[in-house]
N, C-alpha and C. Protein backbone atom coordinates (compact mmCIF):
# COMPACT_ATOMS: atom_id res chain seq x y z
N UNK A 1 -77.22 32.21 33.82
CA UNK A 1 -76.51 32.94 32.90
C UNK A 1 -75.01 32.82 33.25
N UNK A 2 -74.72 32.92 34.47
CA UNK A 2 -73.44 32.72 35.14
C UNK A 2 -72.69 31.23 35.17
N UNK A 3 -73.64 30.35 34.97
CA UNK A 3 -73.32 28.86 34.48
C UNK A 3 -72.96 28.74 33.22
N UNK A 4 -73.58 29.61 32.24
CA UNK A 4 -73.19 29.43 30.89
C UNK A 4 -71.87 30.19 30.61
N UNK A 5 -71.49 31.22 31.32
CA UNK A 5 -70.31 32.17 31.17
C UNK A 5 -69.27 31.00 31.68
N UNK A 6 -69.70 30.47 32.97
CA UNK A 6 -68.30 29.75 33.44
C UNK A 6 -68.27 28.55 32.58
N UNK A 7 -69.20 27.95 31.87
CA UNK A 7 -68.96 26.69 30.92
C UNK A 7 -68.30 27.30 29.66
N UNK A 8 -68.55 28.42 29.10
CA UNK A 8 -67.67 29.06 28.17
C UNK A 8 -66.41 29.42 28.20
N UNK A 9 -65.81 29.70 29.54
CA UNK A 9 -64.50 30.08 30.04
C UNK A 9 -63.84 28.72 30.06
N UNK A 10 -64.23 27.48 30.68
CA UNK A 10 -63.83 26.20 30.70
C UNK A 10 -63.60 25.73 29.39
N UNK A 11 -64.48 25.97 28.26
CA UNK A 11 -64.05 25.43 26.78
C UNK A 11 -63.24 26.20 26.21
N UNK A 12 -63.42 27.61 26.56
CA UNK A 12 -62.33 28.28 25.89
C UNK A 12 -60.77 28.24 26.32
N UNK A 13 -60.71 28.03 27.44
CA UNK A 13 -59.37 27.49 28.25
C UNK A 13 -58.65 26.34 27.44
N UNK A 14 -59.88 25.23 27.53
CA UNK A 14 -59.15 23.93 27.13
C UNK A 14 -58.89 23.85 25.54
N UNK A 15 -59.37 25.08 24.85
CA UNK A 15 -59.39 25.12 23.48
C UNK A 15 -58.02 25.64 23.53
N UNK A 16 -57.38 26.68 24.33
CA UNK A 16 -56.26 27.24 24.29
C UNK A 16 -55.31 26.48 24.46
N UNK A 17 -55.32 25.51 25.62
CA UNK A 17 -54.26 24.50 25.76
C UNK A 17 -54.43 23.54 24.53
N UNK A 18 -55.20 23.22 24.28
CA UNK A 18 -55.28 22.16 23.03
C UNK A 18 -54.72 22.56 21.37
N UNK A 19 -54.86 23.99 21.32
CA UNK A 19 -54.71 24.64 20.13
C UNK A 19 -53.10 24.19 19.62
N UNK A 20 -52.05 24.67 20.32
CA UNK A 20 -50.95 24.45 19.96
C UNK A 20 -50.63 23.15 19.90
N UNK A 21 -51.22 22.06 20.49
CA UNK A 21 -50.91 20.44 20.18
C UNK A 21 -51.37 20.21 19.01
N UNK A 22 -52.77 20.93 18.53
CA UNK A 22 -53.36 20.46 17.29
C UNK A 22 -52.33 21.09 15.85
N UNK A 23 -52.29 22.29 16.47
CA UNK A 23 -51.02 22.95 15.45
C UNK A 23 -49.85 22.32 15.02
N UNK A 24 -49.07 21.72 16.08
CA UNK A 24 -47.75 20.87 16.07
C UNK A 24 -48.16 19.60 15.34
N UNK A 25 -49.31 18.96 15.47
CA UNK A 25 -49.78 17.86 14.86
C UNK A 25 -49.83 18.03 13.32
N UNK A 26 -50.31 19.22 12.96
CA UNK A 26 -50.60 19.42 11.55
C UNK A 26 -49.14 19.63 10.71
N UNK A 27 -48.29 20.41 11.43
CA UNK A 27 -47.15 20.74 10.63
C UNK A 27 -46.08 19.39 10.58
N UNK A 28 -45.75 19.21 9.35
CA UNK A 28 -44.97 18.10 8.95
C UNK A 28 -43.68 18.49 9.58
N UNK A 29 -42.79 17.52 9.87
CA UNK A 29 -41.40 17.72 10.47
C UNK A 29 -40.56 18.13 9.12
N UNK A 30 -39.78 18.96 9.72
CA UNK A 30 -38.98 19.61 8.57
C UNK A 30 -37.53 18.79 8.47
N UNK A 31 -37.26 18.70 7.16
CA UNK A 31 -35.60 17.94 6.78
C UNK A 31 -34.67 19.14 7.35
N UNK A 32 -33.31 18.58 7.91
CA UNK A 32 -32.46 19.37 8.54
C UNK A 32 -31.27 19.20 7.95
N UNK A 33 -31.19 18.30 6.61
CA UNK A 33 -30.15 17.94 5.94
C UNK A 33 -29.24 17.37 6.47
N UNK A 34 -29.17 16.67 7.89
CA UNK A 34 -27.92 16.33 8.31
C UNK A 34 -27.83 14.77 7.93
N UNK A 35 -26.32 14.07 8.27
CA UNK A 35 -26.29 13.21 7.92
C UNK A 35 -25.86 12.09 9.45
N UNK A 36 -26.79 11.32 9.71
CA UNK A 36 -26.56 10.78 11.22
C UNK A 36 -26.50 9.07 10.75
N UNK A 37 -25.27 8.63 11.48
CA UNK A 37 -25.32 7.37 11.35
C UNK A 37 -26.04 6.14 11.67
N UNK A 38 -27.19 6.64 12.03
CA UNK A 38 -28.46 5.72 11.86
C UNK A 38 -29.57 5.67 10.77
N UNK A 39 -29.07 6.82 9.79
CA UNK A 39 -29.79 7.20 8.69
C UNK A 39 -29.28 6.26 7.63
N UNK A 40 -30.19 5.07 7.14
CA UNK A 40 -29.64 4.25 6.09
C UNK A 40 -29.39 4.93 4.77
N UNK A 41 -29.84 6.24 4.54
CA UNK A 41 -29.91 6.63 3.38
C UNK A 41 -28.66 7.72 3.07
N UNK A 42 -28.43 8.01 4.38
CA UNK A 42 -27.03 8.86 4.48
C UNK A 42 -25.66 7.60 4.20
N UNK A 43 -25.72 6.55 5.02
CA UNK A 43 -24.81 5.66 4.63
C UNK A 43 -24.72 5.04 3.19
N UNK A 44 -25.91 4.83 2.47
CA UNK A 44 -25.78 4.40 1.40
C UNK A 44 -24.99 5.79 0.40
N UNK A 45 -25.43 6.81 0.81
CA UNK A 45 -24.96 7.96 -0.08
C UNK A 45 -23.43 8.18 -0.06
N UNK A 46 -23.01 7.74 1.08
CA UNK A 46 -21.69 7.40 0.99
C UNK A 46 -20.80 6.39 0.44
N UNK A 47 -21.42 5.49 -0.03
CA UNK A 47 -20.75 4.33 -0.59
C UNK A 47 -20.08 4.80 -1.81
N UNK A 48 -20.36 6.08 -2.59
CA UNK A 48 -19.97 6.52 -3.74
C UNK A 48 -18.55 7.36 -3.45
N UNK A 49 -17.57 7.77 -4.35
CA UNK A 49 -16.65 8.67 -4.26
C UNK A 49 -16.90 9.80 -3.68
N UNK A 50 -16.57 10.51 -2.63
CA UNK A 50 -16.58 11.88 -2.07
C UNK A 50 -15.82 12.94 -2.64
N UNK A 51 -14.68 12.22 -3.36
CA UNK A 51 -13.69 13.46 -4.01
C UNK A 51 -14.25 14.22 -4.82
N UNK A 52 -14.19 15.47 -4.48
CA UNK A 52 -14.65 16.85 -5.46
C UNK A 52 -15.95 17.19 -5.25
N UNK A 53 -16.71 16.44 -4.34
CA UNK A 53 -18.13 16.66 -4.47
C UNK A 53 -18.28 17.72 -3.63
N UNK A 54 -19.46 18.43 -3.93
CA UNK A 54 -20.27 19.70 -3.28
C UNK A 54 -20.69 19.53 -2.06
N UNK A 55 -20.30 19.26 -0.95
CA UNK A 55 -20.72 18.86 0.50
C UNK A 55 -21.19 20.26 1.34
N UNK A 56 -21.30 21.34 0.60
CA UNK A 56 -21.49 22.49 1.43
C UNK A 56 -22.38 22.56 2.44
N UNK A 57 -22.55 23.13 3.42
CA UNK A 57 -23.32 23.36 4.59
C UNK A 57 -24.17 22.29 4.92
N UNK A 58 -23.51 20.95 4.95
CA UNK A 58 -23.82 19.64 5.48
C UNK A 58 -23.65 19.66 6.87
N UNK A 59 -24.47 18.83 7.83
CA UNK A 59 -24.21 18.33 8.81
C UNK A 59 -23.93 16.96 8.89
N UNK A 60 -22.86 16.72 9.84
CA UNK A 60 -22.28 15.49 9.95
C UNK A 60 -22.19 15.27 11.43
N UNK A 61 -23.30 14.66 12.18
CA UNK A 61 -23.23 14.46 13.57
C UNK A 61 -23.01 13.13 13.99
N UNK A 62 -21.85 12.98 14.74
CA UNK A 62 -21.53 11.54 15.13
C UNK A 62 -21.25 10.56 13.97
N UNK A 63 -20.70 11.11 13.01
CA UNK A 63 -20.46 10.59 11.71
C UNK A 63 -18.87 9.80 11.48
N UNK A 64 -18.70 8.50 10.87
CA UNK A 64 -17.37 7.91 10.88
C UNK A 64 -17.18 8.28 9.10
N UNK A 65 -16.56 9.13 9.03
CA UNK A 65 -15.72 9.24 7.70
C UNK A 65 -14.46 8.79 7.60
N UNK A 66 -13.93 8.08 8.47
CA UNK A 66 -12.66 7.65 8.49
C UNK A 66 -12.09 6.70 7.41
N UNK A 67 -10.83 7.47 6.81
CA UNK A 67 -10.53 6.64 5.49
C UNK A 67 -11.20 7.08 4.25
N UNK A 68 -12.07 8.07 4.30
CA UNK A 68 -12.99 8.43 3.27
C UNK A 68 -11.98 9.66 2.35
N UNK A 69 -12.23 9.33 1.11
CA UNK A 69 -11.62 10.28 0.07
C UNK A 69 -12.24 11.55 -0.12
N UNK A 70 -12.19 12.41 0.88
CA UNK A 70 -12.81 13.96 0.70
C UNK A 70 -11.97 15.05 0.12
N UNK A 71 -10.91 14.53 -0.88
CA UNK A 71 -10.24 15.36 -1.40
C UNK A 71 -10.69 16.31 -2.18
N UNK A 72 -10.37 17.69 -2.23
CA UNK A 72 -10.72 18.48 -3.27
C UNK A 72 -12.51 18.79 -3.00
N UNK A 73 -13.06 18.45 -1.93
CA UNK A 73 -14.29 18.43 -1.60
C UNK A 73 -14.61 19.75 -1.22
N UNK A 74 -15.84 20.43 -1.53
CA UNK A 74 -16.25 21.57 -1.00
C UNK A 74 -17.05 21.63 0.28
N UNK A 75 -16.46 21.76 1.50
CA UNK A 75 -17.12 21.18 2.79
C UNK A 75 -17.42 22.51 3.60
N UNK A 76 -17.23 23.50 2.78
CA UNK A 76 -17.21 24.99 3.54
C UNK A 76 -18.60 25.21 4.24
N UNK A 77 -18.56 25.91 5.48
CA UNK A 77 -20.20 26.26 6.05
C UNK A 77 -20.39 24.67 6.73
N UNK A 78 -19.97 23.77 6.58
CA UNK A 78 -20.40 22.41 7.23
C UNK A 78 -20.00 22.28 8.60
N UNK A 79 -20.90 21.43 9.40
CA UNK A 79 -20.76 21.24 10.82
C UNK A 79 -20.63 19.70 11.03
N UNK A 80 -19.27 19.58 11.84
CA UNK A 80 -19.13 18.26 12.24
C UNK A 80 -18.89 18.11 13.80
N UNK A 81 -20.01 17.34 14.41
CA UNK A 81 -19.98 17.24 15.87
C UNK A 81 -19.64 15.72 16.10
N UNK A 82 -18.49 15.58 17.02
CA UNK A 82 -18.21 14.24 17.58
C UNK A 82 -18.12 13.40 16.48
N UNK A 83 -17.37 13.71 15.24
CA UNK A 83 -17.17 12.81 14.29
C UNK A 83 -15.75 12.31 14.01
N UNK A 84 -15.55 11.25 13.08
CA UNK A 84 -14.34 10.82 12.91
C UNK A 84 -13.91 11.09 11.45
N UNK A 85 -12.89 11.63 11.38
CA UNK A 85 -12.18 11.90 10.11
C UNK A 85 -10.68 11.47 10.00
N UNK A 86 -10.57 10.42 10.83
CA UNK A 86 -9.02 9.91 10.88
C UNK A 86 -8.58 9.13 9.87
N UNK A 87 -7.41 9.42 9.36
CA UNK A 87 -7.03 8.75 7.99
C UNK A 87 -7.93 9.26 6.64
N UNK A 88 -8.64 10.23 7.07
CA UNK A 88 -9.38 10.56 5.48
C UNK A 88 -8.45 11.42 5.00
N UNK A 89 -9.00 11.41 3.59
CA UNK A 89 -7.80 12.39 2.44
C UNK A 89 -8.73 13.67 2.19
N UNK A 90 -8.13 14.62 2.89
CA UNK A 90 -8.73 15.85 2.98
C UNK A 90 -8.09 16.94 1.87
N UNK A 91 -7.09 16.35 1.38
CA UNK A 91 -6.15 17.11 0.33
C UNK A 91 -6.95 18.31 -0.42
N UNK A 92 -6.50 19.31 -0.38
CA UNK A 92 -7.20 20.53 -1.24
C UNK A 92 -8.68 20.78 -0.77
N UNK A 93 -8.99 20.42 0.31
CA UNK A 93 -10.41 20.40 0.66
C UNK A 93 -11.02 21.84 1.09
N UNK A 94 -11.82 22.33 0.41
CA UNK A 94 -12.30 23.82 1.09
C UNK A 94 -13.26 23.19 2.49
N UNK A 95 -12.76 23.73 3.67
CA UNK A 95 -13.04 23.65 5.02
C UNK A 95 -13.60 24.96 5.25
N UNK A 96 -13.35 25.92 4.71
CA UNK A 96 -13.69 27.45 5.23
C UNK A 96 -14.97 27.30 5.98
N UNK A 97 -14.85 28.00 7.06
CA UNK A 97 -15.83 28.27 8.12
C UNK A 97 -16.73 26.92 8.77
N UNK A 98 -15.64 26.02 8.68
CA UNK A 98 -16.46 24.71 9.09
C UNK A 98 -16.43 24.65 10.74
N UNK A 99 -17.39 24.20 11.36
CA UNK A 99 -17.27 23.89 12.40
C UNK A 99 -17.24 22.36 12.77
N UNK A 100 -16.03 22.21 13.50
CA UNK A 100 -15.83 20.53 13.91
C UNK A 100 -15.55 20.75 15.22
N UNK A 101 -16.57 20.31 15.93
CA UNK A 101 -16.44 20.26 17.65
C UNK A 101 -16.13 18.73 17.85
N UNK A 102 -14.97 18.71 18.56
CA UNK A 102 -14.72 17.28 19.21
C UNK A 102 -14.73 16.37 17.89
N UNK A 103 -14.02 16.47 17.02
CA UNK A 103 -13.44 15.74 15.74
C UNK A 103 -12.29 15.31 15.68
N UNK A 104 -12.34 14.12 15.28
CA UNK A 104 -10.87 13.41 15.14
C UNK A 104 -10.25 13.50 13.50
N UNK A 105 -9.42 14.16 13.79
CA UNK A 105 -8.66 14.48 12.39
C UNK A 105 -7.18 13.46 12.42
N UNK A 106 -6.95 12.69 13.29
CA UNK A 106 -5.85 11.94 13.50
C UNK A 106 -5.43 11.40 12.07
N UNK A 107 -4.07 11.64 11.76
CA UNK A 107 -3.45 10.89 10.91
C UNK A 107 -4.39 11.29 9.19
N UNK A 108 -5.05 12.17 9.30
CA UNK A 108 -5.60 12.86 8.07
C UNK A 108 -4.59 13.41 7.39
N UNK A 109 -4.87 13.59 6.00
CA UNK A 109 -4.12 14.38 4.98
C UNK A 109 -4.89 15.55 4.78
N UNK A 110 -4.31 16.65 5.40
CA UNK A 110 -5.11 17.86 5.31
C UNK A 110 -3.97 19.00 4.40
N UNK A 111 -3.18 18.30 3.71
CA UNK A 111 -2.32 18.95 2.74
C UNK A 111 -3.06 19.99 1.85
N UNK A 112 -2.68 21.40 1.91
CA UNK A 112 -3.32 22.21 1.01
C UNK A 112 -4.93 22.60 1.11
N UNK A 113 -5.42 22.19 2.43
CA UNK A 113 -6.77 22.18 2.99
C UNK A 113 -6.85 23.54 3.15
N UNK A 114 -7.96 24.35 3.07
CA UNK A 114 -8.12 25.64 3.44
C UNK A 114 -9.15 25.59 4.71
N UNK A 115 -8.87 25.77 5.63
CA UNK A 115 -9.43 25.82 6.89
C UNK A 115 -9.58 27.16 7.59
N UNK A 116 -9.72 28.19 6.68
CA UNK A 116 -9.88 29.62 7.11
C UNK A 116 -11.07 29.81 7.94
N UNK A 117 -11.09 30.35 9.01
CA UNK A 117 -12.08 30.70 9.73
C UNK A 117 -12.91 29.61 10.19
N UNK A 118 -12.38 28.41 10.33
CA UNK A 118 -12.81 27.28 11.08
C UNK A 118 -12.63 26.87 12.55
N UNK A 119 -13.86 26.48 13.17
CA UNK A 119 -13.80 26.55 14.37
C UNK A 119 -13.86 24.94 14.90
N UNK A 120 -12.29 24.80 15.51
CA UNK A 120 -11.95 23.48 15.68
C UNK A 120 -11.47 22.86 17.29
N UNK A 121 -12.45 23.57 18.18
CA UNK A 121 -12.51 23.39 19.37
C UNK A 121 -12.54 21.87 19.59
N UNK A 122 -11.78 21.40 20.71
CA UNK A 122 -11.84 20.00 20.97
C UNK A 122 -11.40 19.11 20.09
N UNK A 123 -11.22 19.29 18.87
CA UNK A 123 -10.58 18.52 17.96
C UNK A 123 -9.06 18.31 18.15
N UNK A 124 -8.98 16.68 17.53
CA UNK A 124 -7.51 16.54 17.66
C UNK A 124 -6.90 16.02 16.08
N UNK A 125 -5.53 16.43 16.10
CA UNK A 125 -5.00 16.41 14.81
C UNK A 125 -3.71 15.45 14.74
N UNK A 126 -3.61 14.37 15.74
CA UNK A 126 -2.49 13.83 16.06
C UNK A 126 -2.04 13.13 14.69
N UNK A 127 -0.82 13.61 14.06
CA UNK A 127 -0.07 12.64 13.21
C UNK A 127 -0.92 13.35 11.71
N UNK A 128 -1.60 14.18 11.77
CA UNK A 128 -2.11 14.67 10.68
C UNK A 128 -1.23 15.26 9.88
N UNK A 129 -1.32 15.12 8.48
CA UNK A 129 -0.39 15.88 7.33
C UNK A 129 -0.86 17.34 7.11
N UNK A 130 -0.01 18.64 7.47
CA UNK A 130 -0.64 19.58 7.28
C UNK A 130 -0.04 20.47 6.31
N UNK A 131 1.14 19.88 5.59
CA UNK A 131 1.64 21.12 4.46
C UNK A 131 1.00 21.76 3.77
N UNK A 132 0.95 23.21 3.85
CA UNK A 132 0.45 23.72 2.88
C UNK A 132 -1.11 24.25 3.36
N UNK A 133 -1.39 23.49 4.37
CA UNK A 133 -2.77 23.83 4.87
C UNK A 133 -2.81 25.48 5.56
N UNK A 134 -4.04 25.97 5.27
CA UNK A 134 -4.35 27.19 5.86
C UNK A 134 -5.37 27.42 6.94
N UNK A 135 -4.60 27.72 8.16
CA UNK A 135 -5.30 27.80 9.25
C UNK A 135 -5.85 29.33 9.74
N UNK A 136 -5.91 30.07 8.52
CA UNK A 136 -5.98 31.64 9.19
C UNK A 136 -7.44 31.66 9.93
N UNK A 137 -7.27 32.55 11.03
CA UNK A 137 -8.58 33.03 11.94
C UNK A 137 -9.01 31.77 12.39
N UNK A 138 -8.39 30.36 12.36
CA UNK A 138 -9.21 29.19 12.72
C UNK A 138 -9.14 29.47 14.51
N UNK A 139 -10.05 28.73 15.12
CA UNK A 139 -10.32 28.73 16.40
C UNK A 139 -9.78 27.24 16.88
N UNK A 140 -8.42 26.97 17.36
CA UNK A 140 -7.87 25.94 17.80
C UNK A 140 -7.97 25.80 19.61
N UNK A 141 -8.12 24.66 19.97
CA UNK A 141 -7.41 24.41 21.61
C UNK A 141 -6.09 24.97 21.49
N UNK A 142 -5.46 25.62 22.82
CA UNK A 142 -4.09 26.04 22.34
C UNK A 142 -3.09 24.78 22.57
N UNK A 143 -3.43 23.64 23.30
CA UNK A 143 -2.72 22.40 22.99
C UNK A 143 -2.68 21.84 21.69
N UNK A 144 -3.64 22.12 21.02
CA UNK A 144 -3.49 21.47 19.66
C UNK A 144 -2.75 22.49 18.82
N UNK A 145 -3.04 23.58 18.73
CA UNK A 145 -2.37 24.71 17.91
C UNK A 145 -0.79 24.36 18.37
N UNK A 146 -0.55 24.44 19.53
CA UNK A 146 1.04 24.31 19.83
C UNK A 146 1.74 22.90 19.23
N UNK A 147 0.83 21.60 19.32
CA UNK A 147 1.13 20.34 18.59
C UNK A 147 1.25 20.58 17.01
N UNK A 148 0.24 21.35 16.35
CA UNK A 148 0.54 21.57 15.15
C UNK A 148 1.73 22.33 14.52
N UNK A 149 2.02 23.29 15.37
CA UNK A 149 2.95 24.50 15.07
C UNK A 149 4.34 23.49 15.26
N UNK A 150 4.46 22.46 16.11
CA UNK A 150 5.70 21.72 16.27
C UNK A 150 5.97 21.14 15.00
N UNK A 151 4.93 21.07 13.74
CA UNK A 151 5.45 20.52 12.70
C UNK A 151 5.07 21.26 11.33
N UNK A 152 4.77 22.47 11.69
CA UNK A 152 4.22 23.19 10.71
C UNK A 152 5.28 23.94 10.32
N UNK A 153 5.47 24.24 8.81
CA UNK A 153 6.53 25.13 8.15
C UNK A 153 5.70 26.31 7.06
N UNK A 154 6.37 27.23 6.76
CA UNK A 154 6.16 28.15 5.88
C UNK A 154 4.80 28.60 6.27
N UNK A 155 3.88 28.76 5.00
CA UNK A 155 2.43 29.74 5.16
C UNK A 155 1.65 29.02 5.95
N UNK A 156 1.76 27.61 6.57
CA UNK A 156 1.12 26.83 7.44
C UNK A 156 1.43 27.40 8.79
N UNK A 157 2.66 27.45 9.07
CA UNK A 157 2.93 28.04 10.50
C UNK A 157 2.57 29.47 10.45
N UNK A 158 2.87 30.20 9.74
CA UNK A 158 2.10 31.70 9.56
C UNK A 158 0.86 31.72 9.96
N UNK A 159 0.02 31.01 9.21
CA UNK A 159 -1.56 30.78 9.63
C UNK A 159 -2.04 30.50 10.81
N UNK A 160 -0.91 29.85 11.45
CA UNK A 160 -1.33 28.85 12.74
C UNK A 160 -0.83 30.12 13.75
N UNK A 161 0.11 31.02 13.44
CA UNK A 161 0.37 32.18 14.24
C UNK A 161 1.24 31.37 15.10
N UNK A 162 2.38 30.67 14.48
CA UNK A 162 3.08 30.06 15.44
C UNK A 162 4.16 30.79 16.39
N UNK A 163 4.53 31.64 15.81
CA UNK A 163 5.76 32.68 16.27
C UNK A 163 4.73 33.42 17.48
N UNK A 164 3.92 33.56 17.74
CA UNK A 164 3.34 34.28 18.79
C UNK A 164 2.48 33.09 19.93
N UNK A 165 2.31 32.26 19.55
CA UNK A 165 1.87 31.08 20.57
C UNK A 165 2.49 31.09 21.70
N UNK A 166 4.01 30.77 21.86
CA UNK A 166 4.56 30.92 23.35
C UNK A 166 4.70 32.16 23.38
N UNK A 167 4.95 33.33 22.82
CA UNK A 167 5.07 34.51 23.20
C UNK A 167 3.98 34.95 24.04
N UNK A 168 2.67 34.93 23.78
CA UNK A 168 1.46 35.56 24.34
C UNK A 168 0.83 34.68 25.62
N UNK A 169 1.68 33.43 25.89
CA UNK A 169 1.46 33.01 27.01
C UNK A 169 2.20 33.19 28.26
N UNK A 170 1.75 33.89 29.29
CA UNK A 170 2.30 34.26 30.44
C UNK A 170 1.95 33.41 31.69
N UNK A 171 2.79 32.50 32.08
CA UNK A 171 2.16 31.68 33.40
C UNK A 171 1.90 32.81 34.60
N UNK A 172 0.36 32.55 35.47
CA UNK A 172 -0.01 33.42 36.17
C UNK A 172 0.75 33.61 37.29
N UNK A 173 1.91 32.61 37.67
CA UNK A 173 2.92 33.32 38.78
C UNK A 173 3.91 34.43 38.33
N UNK A 174 4.08 34.68 37.04
CA UNK A 174 5.06 35.65 36.60
C UNK A 174 4.43 36.91 36.00
N UNK A 175 3.14 36.71 35.79
CA UNK A 175 2.43 37.99 35.32
C UNK A 175 1.86 38.96 36.18
N UNK A 176 1.52 40.10 36.08
CA UNK A 176 0.79 41.14 36.94
C UNK A 176 -0.23 40.77 37.34
N UNK A 177 -0.35 40.88 38.81
CA UNK A 177 -1.66 40.20 39.47
C UNK A 177 -2.85 41.36 39.50
N UNK A 178 -3.65 41.26 38.56
CA UNK A 178 -4.63 42.44 38.12
C UNK A 178 -5.79 42.52 39.23
N UNK A 179 -5.65 41.32 40.32
CA UNK A 179 -6.83 41.70 41.07
C UNK A 179 -6.42 42.01 42.39
N UNK A 180 -5.04 42.07 42.76
CA UNK A 180 -4.42 42.62 43.77
C UNK A 180 -3.18 43.28 43.39
N UNK A 181 -3.24 44.12 42.83
CA UNK A 181 -2.05 45.00 42.16
C UNK A 181 -0.90 45.39 43.28
N UNK A 182 0.24 45.28 43.04
CA UNK A 182 1.21 45.52 43.76
C UNK A 182 1.79 44.04 44.72
N UNK A 183 1.16 43.03 44.42
CA UNK A 183 1.27 41.80 45.34
C UNK A 183 2.30 40.95 44.55
């Protein structure tokens, strides 16, 4: 009787270990809707004009969109990671709530683009045209915000909060020492 119980315990423990593996093998992989440079279908899909297309909530991971015409496209809610949008036409594009981490916008045309609420950390905008662009509530690295403010005018400068960029920065040597008050 004791050997039967011991044998049942071993069988049950093996089944419990094997069960998640079997379940994992039975579940088919889920589509993530991302565009990866190694995916031939995503490259073929970009051979057509993207001007004015609805590309909402897509993922562009390590993707080269340099020189592409994305003018008036709806890219709201999309995710760009280590992507290249250099020299791209994004004139009038909807980039609301976009996450563009470590993305290159060098020499891109962002005229009249809406970047409201965009997370643009570690992204670069060297030479980008930003006339009429809306950066309200966008998150940028301070160095990029300052660089954009050097050439921003009107509503673009207001949306970048260019007036407060230099005012809010106080070097540590000049500010109050909160760790050792009175020093």
